[in-house]
Amino acid sequence: MRVVIAGAGAVGTHLSKLLSGENQDVVLMDPDKEKLNFSRSNLEMMTMTGSCTSLKDLTEVGIKEADFFIAVTPDESINITACMLATNMGAKKTFARIDNYEYLLPKNREFFEKLGVDSMVYPEMLAAKEIVSALKRPWVRQWIELCGGAIILVGIKVRENSELVDKHLYDLGAEDKKFHIVAIKRNNITIIPTGKDKVLAGDIVFFTATKDNVEDLSLITGKANFEVKNVMIMGGSRIAIRTSQYLPDNTNIKLLESDKDKSYQLLERLPRNVTVFNNDGRNAEFLLQEGIKEMDAFVAVTGNSEANILACMAAKRYGVRKTVAEVENMDYISMAENLDIGSIINKRLITVNNIYRFLLSADISNVKSLTIANADVAEIIARPNSRITKKEVKKIILPKNVTLGGLIRNGEPMMIDGDTLIEPYDHVVVFCLDDALRDAEKFFH
């Protein structure tokens, strides 16, 4: 598959590395030569200094042979123009990063397809939806719906009071299998556990469960569920605006913005249930004055990862039960997890996952990368006569770093154990560490 990516920013670079690691034919182009000087050790990737709106440069990059053209420059209009040009020059499919949610409305889809833009992604909107999901289920670190929501993957930090602590996996759920532990993250290392492994207090444990049983996990892991009614948001970014708009109308929201002019502009754009304050979210005296101790959740979405982490740590000290931090600096993600600040949002990873899902073959209908574990979770259809259907799961030697989390058969969700025999056309949830997804895929074809 030949993929041309325009824009060597955080998203374009991350996506290029991901695809070139799978031996795809990738070309990354950018007008700024400096941006293309990143380390390409062990990566089969071409780079080209050029403009994605130049017919000459698009011809030179081989746009005519491109299976996918992806425009992720910071400028929305450049991305849309580039996709229109790429389509007319022979690219089979195009994808644009945008900043205007109106473009994504169903009534406008056909219009953009006619222009030559096949798919679009609005990173701030995706990030806001993740934040709203985190506030809806505050006991969860990560919540991912698979197979149309019939199977749920959840990441939960296990407390000392959990009934799972110090138990071997083979002792859990033997009689009535309501959940499956697909991975454990401990001290920044993610492992695919075997029956001999134990769950320890402080582990982030990833479970798959059916929709009917997933709520039981809050009790099992020692977490109390609660309703988030009062929210404080630090930073008047586009993510903050979208989050405020997506939260239920009965949520009381206090939004803190340090820029005075921006504070006035926000007043015109936000719903009535939002009160805007012109102040810094790191001002302890102000936070106490505005009732930080009465807040159910604190969300930090400024453009500064360090400020977001520190603010969430402060909120935790004041007794806020749920905190969410936007952490764009990849190096800080594991540190933020260890500081126990709750959910972590990374716009770059969310955007890359969305594009990656668009690129993968039709058989993998839903792939999501996990922000807090170096892992992919995929939904794969078992083909007739594929290796995975030949014998029970316990008799199949799957690739290292791969586990099966559950399946949908004739519309019915079920957990998988060693005695499960996967049948043709089952939709199987597959959990993979590192780059094992392509190896796992071979068992289903």
Protein backbone atom coordinates (compact mmCIF):
# COMPACT_ATOMS: atom_id res chain seq x y z
CA MET A 1 0.00 0.00 0.00
CA ARG A 2 1.40 3.38 -1.03
CA VAL A 3 0.59 6.20 1.38
CA VAL A 4 1.52 9.87 0.89
CA ILE A 5 1.31 11.98 4.06
CA ALA A 6 1.43 15.78 3.86
CA GLY A 7 2.51 17.53 7.04
CA ALA A 8 5.45 16.45 9.21
CA GLY A 9 3.97 17.69 12.47
CA ALA A 10 3.24 15.47 15.47
CA VAL A 11 0.36 13.58 13.78
CA GLY A 12 2.02 13.14 10.37
CA THR A 13 5.32 11.96 11.85
CA HIS A 14 3.67 9.54 14.30
CA LEU A 15 1.46 8.06 11.58
CA SER A 16 4.40 7.73 9.16
CA LYS A 17 6.44 5.81 11.72
CA LEU A 18 3.49 3.55 12.52
CA LEU A 19 2.82 2.68 8.87
CA SER A 20 6.47 2.33 7.84
CA GLY A 21 6.93 -0.06 10.77
CA GLU A 22 4.39 -2.29 9.00
CA ASN A 23 6.41 -2.17 5.78
CA GLN A 24 3.95 0.08 3.98
CA ASP A 25 5.28 2.28 1.18
CA VAL A 26 5.20 5.67 2.94
CA VAL A 27 6.24 9.12 1.71
CA LEU A 28 6.14 12.04 4.16
CA MET A 29 6.22 15.51 2.61
CA ASP A 30 6.56 18.96 4.16
CA PRO A 31 7.79 22.34 2.89
CA ASP A 32 10.04 22.69 5.96
CA LYS A 33 13.18 20.58 5.49
CA GLU A 34 14.01 20.79 9.23
CA LYS A 35 10.80 18.95 10.16
CA LEU A 36 11.89 15.98 8.05
CA ASN A 37 15.20 15.60 9.89
CA PHE A 38 13.86 13.25 12.59
CA SER A 39 15.53 9.90 13.29
CA ARG A 40 14.50 7.32 10.69
CA SER A 41 16.59 4.45 12.01
CA ASN A 42 15.06 1.05 11.18
CA LEU A 43 12.23 2.75 9.28
CA GLU A 44 11.61 2.23 5.58
CA MET A 45 10.26 5.69 4.77
CA MET A 46 10.85 8.31 2.12
CA THR A 47 10.70 12.03 2.83
CA MET A 48 10.31 14.91 0.41
CA THR A 49 10.64 18.65 0.88
CA GLY A 50 7.72 20.13 -1.01
CA SER A 51 4.27 21.67 -0.91
CA CYS A 52 1.13 19.50 -0.97
CA THR A 53 -0.69 22.19 -3.01
CA SER A 54 1.97 22.27 -5.73
CA LEU A 55 1.03 20.20 -8.80
CA LYS A 56 4.73 19.76 -9.58
CA ASP A 57 5.55 18.46 -6.08
CA LEU A 58 2.52 16.13 -6.00
CA THR A 59 3.57 14.70 -9.37
CA GLU A 60 7.11 14.23 -8.09
CA VAL A 61 5.91 12.43 -4.97
CA GLY A 62 4.03 9.93 -7.18
CA ILE A 63 0.49 10.93 -6.22
CA LYS A 64 -0.91 9.08 -9.25
CA GLU A 65 0.10 5.72 -7.72
CA ALA A 66 -1.01 6.59 -4.15
CA ASP A 67 -3.59 4.34 -2.51
CA PHE A 68 -4.06 6.94 0.22
CA PHE A 69 -3.27 10.63 0.47
CA ILE A 70 -3.45 12.06 4.01
CA ALA A 71 -3.22 15.83 4.60
CA VAL A 72 -2.52 16.68 8.24
CA THR A 73 -0.83 20.09 8.01
CA PRO A 74 -1.91 22.69 10.65
CA ASP A 75 -3.90 24.58 7.98
CA GLU A 76 -7.37 23.21 7.24
CA SER A 77 -7.75 25.01 3.89
CA ILE A 78 -4.40 23.63 2.68
CA ASN A 79 -5.49 20.10 3.67
CA ILE A 80 -8.80 20.33 1.79
CA THR A 81 -7.18 21.90 -1.30
CA ALA A 82 -4.44 19.23 -1.29
CA CYS A 83 -7.03 16.42 -1.13
CA MET A 84 -8.96 17.92 -4.05
CA LEU A 85 -5.76 18.11 -6.12
CA ALA A 86 -4.63 14.61 -5.09
CA THR A 87 -7.98 13.05 -6.10
CA ASN A 88 -7.92 14.76 -9.49
CA MET A 89 -4.33 13.58 -10.03
CA GLY A 90 -5.17 9.93 -9.36
CA ALA A 91 -4.95 9.24 -5.59
CA LYS A 92 -7.49 6.52 -4.73
CA LYS A 93 -8.56 7.76 -1.27
CA THR A 94 -7.96 11.04 0.59
CA PHE A 95 -8.14 12.12 4.23
CA ALA A 96 -8.00 15.68 5.65
CA ARG A 97 -7.44 17.07 9.13
CA ILE A 98 -9.92 19.90 9.72
CA ASP A 99 -10.85 22.52 12.36
CA ASN A 100 -14.52 23.03 11.52
CA TYR A 101 -17.01 20.54 12.95
CA GLU A 102 -19.69 21.62 10.42
CA TYR A 103 -17.76 19.85 7.68
CA LEU A 104 -18.40 16.56 9.46
CA LEU A 105 -22.19 16.88 9.52
CA PRO A 106 -23.88 14.09 7.48
CA LYS A 107 -25.57 16.64 5.17
CA ASN A 108 -22.13 17.90 4.05
CA ARG A 109 -20.43 14.52 3.52
CA GLU A 110 -21.54 14.08 -0.09
CA PHE A 111 -20.47 17.64 -0.93
CA PHE A 112 -16.90 16.99 0.26
CA GLU A 113 -16.75 13.57 -1.41
CA LYS A 114 -17.64 15.23 -4.72
CA LEU A 115 -14.82 17.70 -4.14
CA GLY A 116 -12.42 14.80 -3.63
CA VAL A 117 -12.20 14.64 0.19
CA ASP A 118 -13.18 11.10 1.22
CA SER A 119 -12.81 11.40 4.99
CA MET A 120 -12.02 14.06 7.60
CA VAL A 121 -10.89 14.23 11.20
CA TYR A 122 -11.36 17.06 13.71
CA PRO A 123 -8.88 16.30 16.54
CA GLU A 124 -10.36 18.69 19.13
CA MET A 125 -13.80 17.16 18.71
CA LEU A 126 -12.47 13.64 19.19
CA ALA A 127 -10.53 14.72 22.30
CA ALA A 128 -13.64 16.41 23.77
CA LYS A 129 -15.68 13.24 23.25
CA GLU A 130 -13.00 11.24 25.10
CA ILE A 131 -13.15 13.70 28.01
CA VAL A 132 -16.95 13.50 28.21
CA SER A 133 -16.70 9.69 28.20
CA ALA A 134 -14.15 9.86 31.05
CA LEU A 135 -16.47 12.08 33.13
CA LYS A 136 -19.48 9.87 32.44
CA ARG A 137 -17.62 6.89 33.97
CA PRO A 138 -15.21 8.40 36.49
CA TRP A 139 -14.11 5.02 37.91
CA VAL A 140 -12.53 4.09 34.56
CA ARG A 141 -9.16 5.16 33.11
CA GLN A 142 -10.07 4.07 29.59
CA TRP A 143 -13.38 2.97 28.02
CA ILE A 144 -13.49 1.61 24.47
CA GLU A 145 -16.62 0.21 22.86
CA LEU A 146 -16.08 -2.66 20.45
CA CYS A 147 -18.39 -4.65 18.18
CA GLY A 148 -20.94 -1.82 18.16
CA GLY A 149 -20.81 -1.49 21.95
CA ALA A 150 -21.61 -5.16 22.74
CA ILE A 151 -18.12 -5.75 24.16
CA ILE A 152 -16.39 -3.09 26.23
CA LEU A 153 -12.66 -2.76 26.91
CA VAL A 154 -11.92 -0.90 30.14
CA GLY A 155 -8.68 0.12 31.81
CA ILE A 156 -9.01 0.47 35.61
CA LYS A 157 -6.49 1.27 38.32
CA VAL A 158 -6.93 -1.45 40.96
CA ARG A 159 -7.01 -0.33 44.60
CA GLU A 160 -5.90 -2.26 47.72
CA ASN A 161 -9.54 -2.95 48.63
CA SER A 162 -10.21 -4.83 45.37
CA GLU A 163 -11.12 -8.50 45.61
CA LEU A 164 -8.70 -9.16 42.73
CA VAL A 165 -5.55 -8.12 44.60
CA ASP A 166 -2.95 -10.89 45.08
CA LYS A 167 -5.09 -13.46 43.26
CA HIS A 168 -3.83 -15.58 40.38
CA LEU A 169 -5.71 -15.10 37.14
CA TYR A 170 -6.58 -18.81 36.95
CA ASP A 171 -8.60 -18.36 40.19
CA LEU A 172 -10.76 -15.59 38.74
CA GLY A 173 -14.11 -16.11 37.08
CA ALA A 174 -13.67 -19.82 36.51
CA GLU A 175 -17.37 -20.66 37.05
CA ASP A 176 -19.18 -17.81 35.29
CA LYS A 177 -16.82 -15.97 32.99
CA LYS A 178 -18.07 -12.37 33.10
CA PHE A 179 -14.81 -10.68 32.16
CA HIS A 180 -11.39 -11.36 30.71
CA ILE A 181 -8.16 -9.67 31.78
CA VAL A 182 -6.32 -8.92 28.55
CA ALA A 183 -3.40 -6.88 29.90
CA ILE A 184 -1.81 -5.49 33.04
CA LYS A 185 0.26 -2.31 33.14
CA ARG A 186 2.71 -2.28 36.05
CA ASN A 187 5.62 0.16 36.54
CA ASN A 188 5.28 1.44 32.95
CA ILE A 189 5.51 -2.09 31.51
CA THR A 190 2.48 -3.69 29.85
CA ILE A 191 2.19 -7.47 29.97
CA ILE A 192 -0.21 -9.96 28.44
CA PRO A 193 -0.81 -12.10 31.54
CA THR A 194 -1.08 -15.88 31.86
CA GLY A 195 -3.05 -17.80 34.47
CA LYS A 196 -0.01 -17.79 36.76
CA ASP A 197 0.17 -13.97 36.94
CA LYS A 198 -1.26 -12.05 39.91
CA VAL A 199 -3.07 -8.72 40.05
CA LEU A 200 -1.33 -6.28 42.41
CA ALA A 201 -2.63 -3.10 44.05
CA GLY A 202 -1.76 -0.11 41.86
CA ASP A 203 -1.87 -2.09 38.59
CA ILE A 204 -3.77 -0.63 35.66
CA VAL A 205 -5.75 -3.67 34.53
CA PHE A 206 -7.42 -3.90 31.12
CA PHE A 207 -10.60 -5.97 31.06
CA THR A 208 -12.99 -7.00 28.32
CA ALA A 209 -16.58 -7.59 29.38
CA THR A 210 -19.99 -7.76 27.76
CA LYS A 211 -22.16 -4.65 27.96
CA ASP A 212 -24.40 -6.34 30.57
CA ASN A 213 -21.53 -7.16 32.95
CA VAL A 214 -19.16 -4.19 32.58
CA GLU A 215 -20.66 -2.13 35.43
CA ASP A 216 -19.82 -4.98 37.87
CA LEU A 217 -16.14 -4.19 37.36
CA SER A 218 -16.36 -1.04 39.50
CA LEU A 219 -17.19 -3.17 42.57
CA ILE A 220 -14.71 -5.91 41.68
CA THR A 221 -11.84 -3.40 41.37
CA GLY A 222 -12.76 -1.51 44.55
CA LYS A 223 -13.98 1.62 42.77
CA ALA A 224 -17.11 3.56 43.71
CA ASN A 225 -19.12 4.98 40.86
CA PHE A 226 -20.49 8.51 41.25
CA GLU A 227 -22.23 11.14 39.15
CA VAL A 228 -20.22 14.11 37.94
CA LYS A 229 -22.33 17.25 38.42
CA ASN A 230 -19.76 19.98 39.14
CA VAL A 231 -16.81 20.37 36.76
CA MET A 232 -13.95 22.86 36.67
CA ILE A 233 -12.11 23.25 33.35
CA MET A 234 -8.72 24.95 33.11
CA GLY A 235 -7.94 26.52 29.72
CA GLY A 236 -10.26 28.07 27.14
CA SER A 237 -9.04 25.92 24.25
CA ARG A 238 -11.19 24.50 21.46
CA ILE A 239 -11.20 21.19 23.35
CA ALA A 240 -12.61 23.03 26.41
CA ILE A 241 -15.34 24.66 24.30
CA ARG A 242 -16.38 21.36 22.71
CA THR A 243 -16.28 19.54 26.08
CA SER A 244 -18.56 22.20 27.61
CA GLN A 245 -20.99 21.80 24.71
CA TYR A 246 -21.03 17.99 24.89
CA LEU A 247 -21.51 17.67 28.68
CA PRO A 248 -25.15 17.31 29.88
CA ASP A 249 -27.07 20.59 30.31
CA ASN A 250 -27.50 19.98 34.04
CA THR A 251 -23.72 19.97 34.63
CA ASN A 252 -22.40 23.04 36.47
CA ILE A 253 -19.20 24.10 34.69
CA LYS A 254 -16.62 26.67 35.81
CA LEU A 255 -14.09 27.49 33.07
CA LEU A 256 -10.82 29.27 33.91
CA GLU A 257 -8.98 31.26 31.22
CA SER A 258 -5.97 33.45 32.02
CA ASP A 259 -6.25 35.60 28.85
CA LYS A 260 -8.74 38.45 29.43
CA ASP A 261 -9.74 38.99 25.77
CA LYS A 262 -10.21 35.27 25.24
CA SER A 263 -12.43 35.11 28.36
CA TYR A 264 -14.86 37.62 26.81
CA GLN A 265 -14.89 35.71 23.50
CA LEU A 266 -15.66 32.47 25.34
CA LEU A 267 -18.76 33.99 26.96
CA GLU A 268 -20.35 34.31 23.50
CA ARG A 269 -19.56 30.71 22.48
CA LEU A 270 -20.38 28.67 25.57
CA PRO A 271 -23.70 27.27 26.87
CA ARG A 272 -25.56 28.95 29.75
CA ASN A 273 -24.44 26.36 32.31
CA VAL A 274 -20.81 27.56 31.95
CA THR A 275 -19.37 30.35 34.11
CA VAL A 276 -16.15 31.86 32.72
CA PHE A 277 -13.46 33.21 35.08
CA ASN A 278 -10.48 35.27 33.98
CA ASN A 279 -7.89 33.63 36.23
CA ASP A 280 -5.07 31.08 36.26
CA GLY A 281 -6.03 27.54 37.25
CA ARG A 282 -2.77 27.27 39.19
CA ASN A 283 -3.78 30.05 41.59
CA ALA A 284 -4.48 28.07 44.79
CA GLU A 285 -6.22 30.93 46.60
CA PHE A 286 -8.61 31.47 43.68
CA LEU A 287 -9.34 27.73 43.35
CA LEU A 288 -10.32 27.52 47.02
CA GLN A 289 -12.42 30.67 46.71
CA GLU A 290 -14.31 29.18 43.74
CA GLY A 291 -15.03 25.90 45.50
CA ILE A 292 -12.43 23.46 44.14
CA LYS A 293 -13.19 21.20 47.12
CA GLU A 294 -16.83 20.86 46.02
CA MET A 295 -15.92 19.84 42.46
CA ASP A 296 -16.58 16.27 41.24
CA ALA A 297 -14.09 16.64 38.37
CA PHE A 298 -11.24 18.87 37.21
CA VAL A 299 -10.21 18.99 33.54
CA ALA A 300 -6.93 20.64 32.44
CA VAL A 301 -6.75 21.35 28.70
CA THR A 302 -4.30 24.24 28.29
CA GLY A 303 -1.64 23.95 25.57
CA ASN A 304 0.96 23.20 28.27
CA SER A 305 1.29 19.52 29.30
CA GLU A 306 3.31 20.33 32.46
CA ALA A 307 0.74 22.89 33.64
CA ASN A 308 -2.08 20.40 33.03
CA ILE A 309 -0.34 17.65 35.04
CA LEU A 310 0.51 19.96 37.95
CA ALA A 311 -3.00 21.41 38.06
CA CYS A 312 -4.55 17.93 38.20
CA MET A 313 -2.15 16.95 41.00
CA ALA A 314 -3.24 20.05 42.94
CA ALA A 315 -6.92 19.24 42.33
CA LYS A 316 -6.37 15.71 43.67
CA ARG A 317 -4.82 17.20 46.82
CA TYR A 318 -7.96 19.29 47.30
CA GLY A 319 -10.03 16.11 47.17
CA VAL A 320 -11.36 16.20 43.58
CA ARG A 321 -12.20 12.59 42.79
CA LYS A 322 -11.84 12.66 38.99
CA THR A 323 -9.17 14.56 37.05
CA VAL A 324 -8.45 14.62 33.32
CA ALA A 325 -5.26 16.06 31.81
CA GLU A 326 -4.44 16.78 28.20
CA VAL A 327 -0.83 15.58 27.81
CA GLU A 328 0.53 16.24 24.32
CA ASN A 329 4.18 15.61 25.21
CA MET A 330 4.54 11.85 24.63
CA ASP A 331 7.46 11.65 27.07
CA TYR A 332 5.21 12.79 29.91
CA ILE A 333 2.43 10.23 29.50
CA SER A 334 3.97 7.45 31.62
CA MET A 335 5.01 10.01 34.25
CA ALA A 336 1.45 11.34 34.39
CA GLU A 337 0.11 7.80 34.91
CA ASN A 338 2.49 7.22 37.82
CA LEU A 339 1.36 10.47 39.45
CA ASP A 340 -2.14 9.01 39.60
CA ILE A 341 -3.90 11.95 37.97
CA GLY A 342 -6.71 9.96 36.38
CA SER A 343 -7.49 10.03 32.66
CA ILE A 344 -4.95 11.23 30.13
CA ILE A 345 -5.96 12.72 26.78
CA ASN A 346 -3.48 12.90 23.90
CA LYS A 347 -4.86 14.61 20.81
CA ARG A 348 -2.11 13.24 18.58
CA LEU A 349 -2.77 9.60 19.47
CA ILE A 350 -6.55 10.00 19.20
CA THR A 351 -6.15 11.52 15.71
CA VAL A 352 -3.63 8.94 14.53
CA ASN A 353 -5.91 6.11 15.73
CA ASN A 354 -8.80 7.57 13.80
CA ILE A 355 -6.77 7.79 10.57
CA TYR A 356 -5.17 4.38 11.15
CA ARG A 357 -8.61 2.79 11.46
CA PHE A 358 -9.54 4.37 8.11
CA LEU A 359 -6.45 2.87 6.48
CA LEU A 360 -6.65 -0.69 7.72
CA SER A 361 -8.23 -3.41 5.64
CA ALA A 362 -12.00 -3.85 5.78
CA ASP A 363 -11.61 -7.05 7.83
CA ILE A 364 -10.37 -5.05 10.79
CA SER A 365 -13.44 -2.97 11.33
CA ASN A 366 -12.31 -1.20 14.47
CA VAL A 367 -8.75 -0.65 15.66
CA LYS A 368 -7.90 1.59 18.58
CA SER A 369 -4.51 2.23 20.11
CA LEU A 370 -4.45 2.61 23.87
CA THR A 371 -2.96 5.81 25.21
CA ILE A 372 -1.91 4.25 28.50
CA ALA A 373 -0.50 1.00 27.20
CA ASN A 374 1.67 0.34 24.19
CA ALA A 375 -1.09 -1.72 22.63
CA ASP A 376 -3.72 -2.10 19.92
CA VAL A 377 -7.16 -3.58 20.28
CA ALA A 378 -8.81 -4.79 17.09
CA GLU A 379 -12.02 -6.41 15.96
CA ILE A 380 -11.22 -9.11 13.39
CA ILE A 381 -13.61 -11.38 11.44
CA ALA A 382 -12.59 -15.06 11.35
CA ARG A 383 -12.60 -16.32 7.76
CA PRO A 384 -13.72 -19.87 6.83
CA ASN A 385 -10.76 -22.34 6.93
CA SER A 386 -8.55 -19.81 8.75
CA ARG A 387 -6.11 -21.19 11.33
CA ILE A 388 -8.03 -19.67 14.23
CA THR A 389 -11.12 -21.83 13.43
CA LYS A 390 -9.30 -25.19 13.30
CA LYS A 391 -9.16 -26.04 17.03
CA GLU A 392 -9.90 -24.78 20.53
CA VAL A 393 -8.14 -21.58 21.59
CA LYS A 394 -5.95 -23.38 24.17
CA LYS A 395 -4.51 -25.61 21.39
CA ILE A 396 -3.59 -22.67 19.12
CA ILE A 397 -0.14 -21.14 19.60
CA LEU A 398 -0.86 -17.46 19.10
CA PRO A 399 1.95 -14.97 18.46
CA LYS A 400 3.68 -13.62 21.53
CA ASN A 401 1.99 -10.49 22.91
CA VAL A 402 -1.46 -11.44 21.54
CA THR A 403 -4.58 -12.41 23.49
CA LEU A 404 -8.24 -12.81 22.56
CA GLY A 405 -10.68 -10.80 24.65
CA GLY A 406 -14.15 -11.84 23.49
CA LEU A 407 -16.29 -12.39 20.41
CA ILE A 408 -19.65 -11.72 18.78
CA ARG A 409 -21.41 -14.75 17.26
CA ASN A 410 -24.73 -14.22 15.45
CA GLY A 411 -25.12 -10.91 17.24
CA GLU A 412 -24.50 -12.38 20.72
CA PRO A 413 -21.43 -11.26 22.73
CA MET A 414 -19.45 -13.79 24.76
CA MET A 415 -16.12 -14.07 26.56
CA ILE A 416 -13.42 -16.41 25.27
CA ASP A 417 -11.70 -19.09 27.34
CA GLY A 418 -9.34 -21.96 26.50
CA ASP A 419 -12.18 -24.28 25.47
CA THR A 420 -13.73 -21.81 23.01
CA LEU A 421 -13.76 -22.94 19.38
CA ILE A 422 -13.89 -19.87 17.15
CA GLU A 423 -16.28 -20.30 14.23
CA PRO A 424 -16.16 -18.73 10.76
CA TYR A 425 -17.58 -15.17 10.70
CA ASP A 426 -17.17 -14.67 14.46
CA HIS A 427 -16.16 -11.08 15.23
CA VAL A 428 -13.21 -11.52 17.59
CA VAL A 429 -11.70 -8.86 19.87
CA VAL A 430 -7.91 -9.17 19.67
CA PHE A 431 -5.52 -7.39 22.05
CA CYS A 432 -1.92 -6.96 20.86
CA LEU A 433 1.21 -5.41 22.31
CA ASP A 434 3.86 -3.63 20.26
CA ASP A 435 3.56 -4.46 16.55
CA ALA A 436 1.88 -7.87 16.80
CA LEU A 437 -1.39 -6.87 15.07
CA ARG A 438 -0.32 -7.89 11.57
CA ASP A 439 0.92 -11.27 12.88
CA ALA A 440 -2.39 -11.84 14.65
CA GLU A 441 -4.33 -10.95 11.49
CA LYS A 442 -2.75 -13.91 9.63
CA PHE A 443 -4.54 -16.39 11.93
CA PHE A 444 -7.93 -15.05 10.78
CA HIS A 445 -7.41 -15.19 6.98
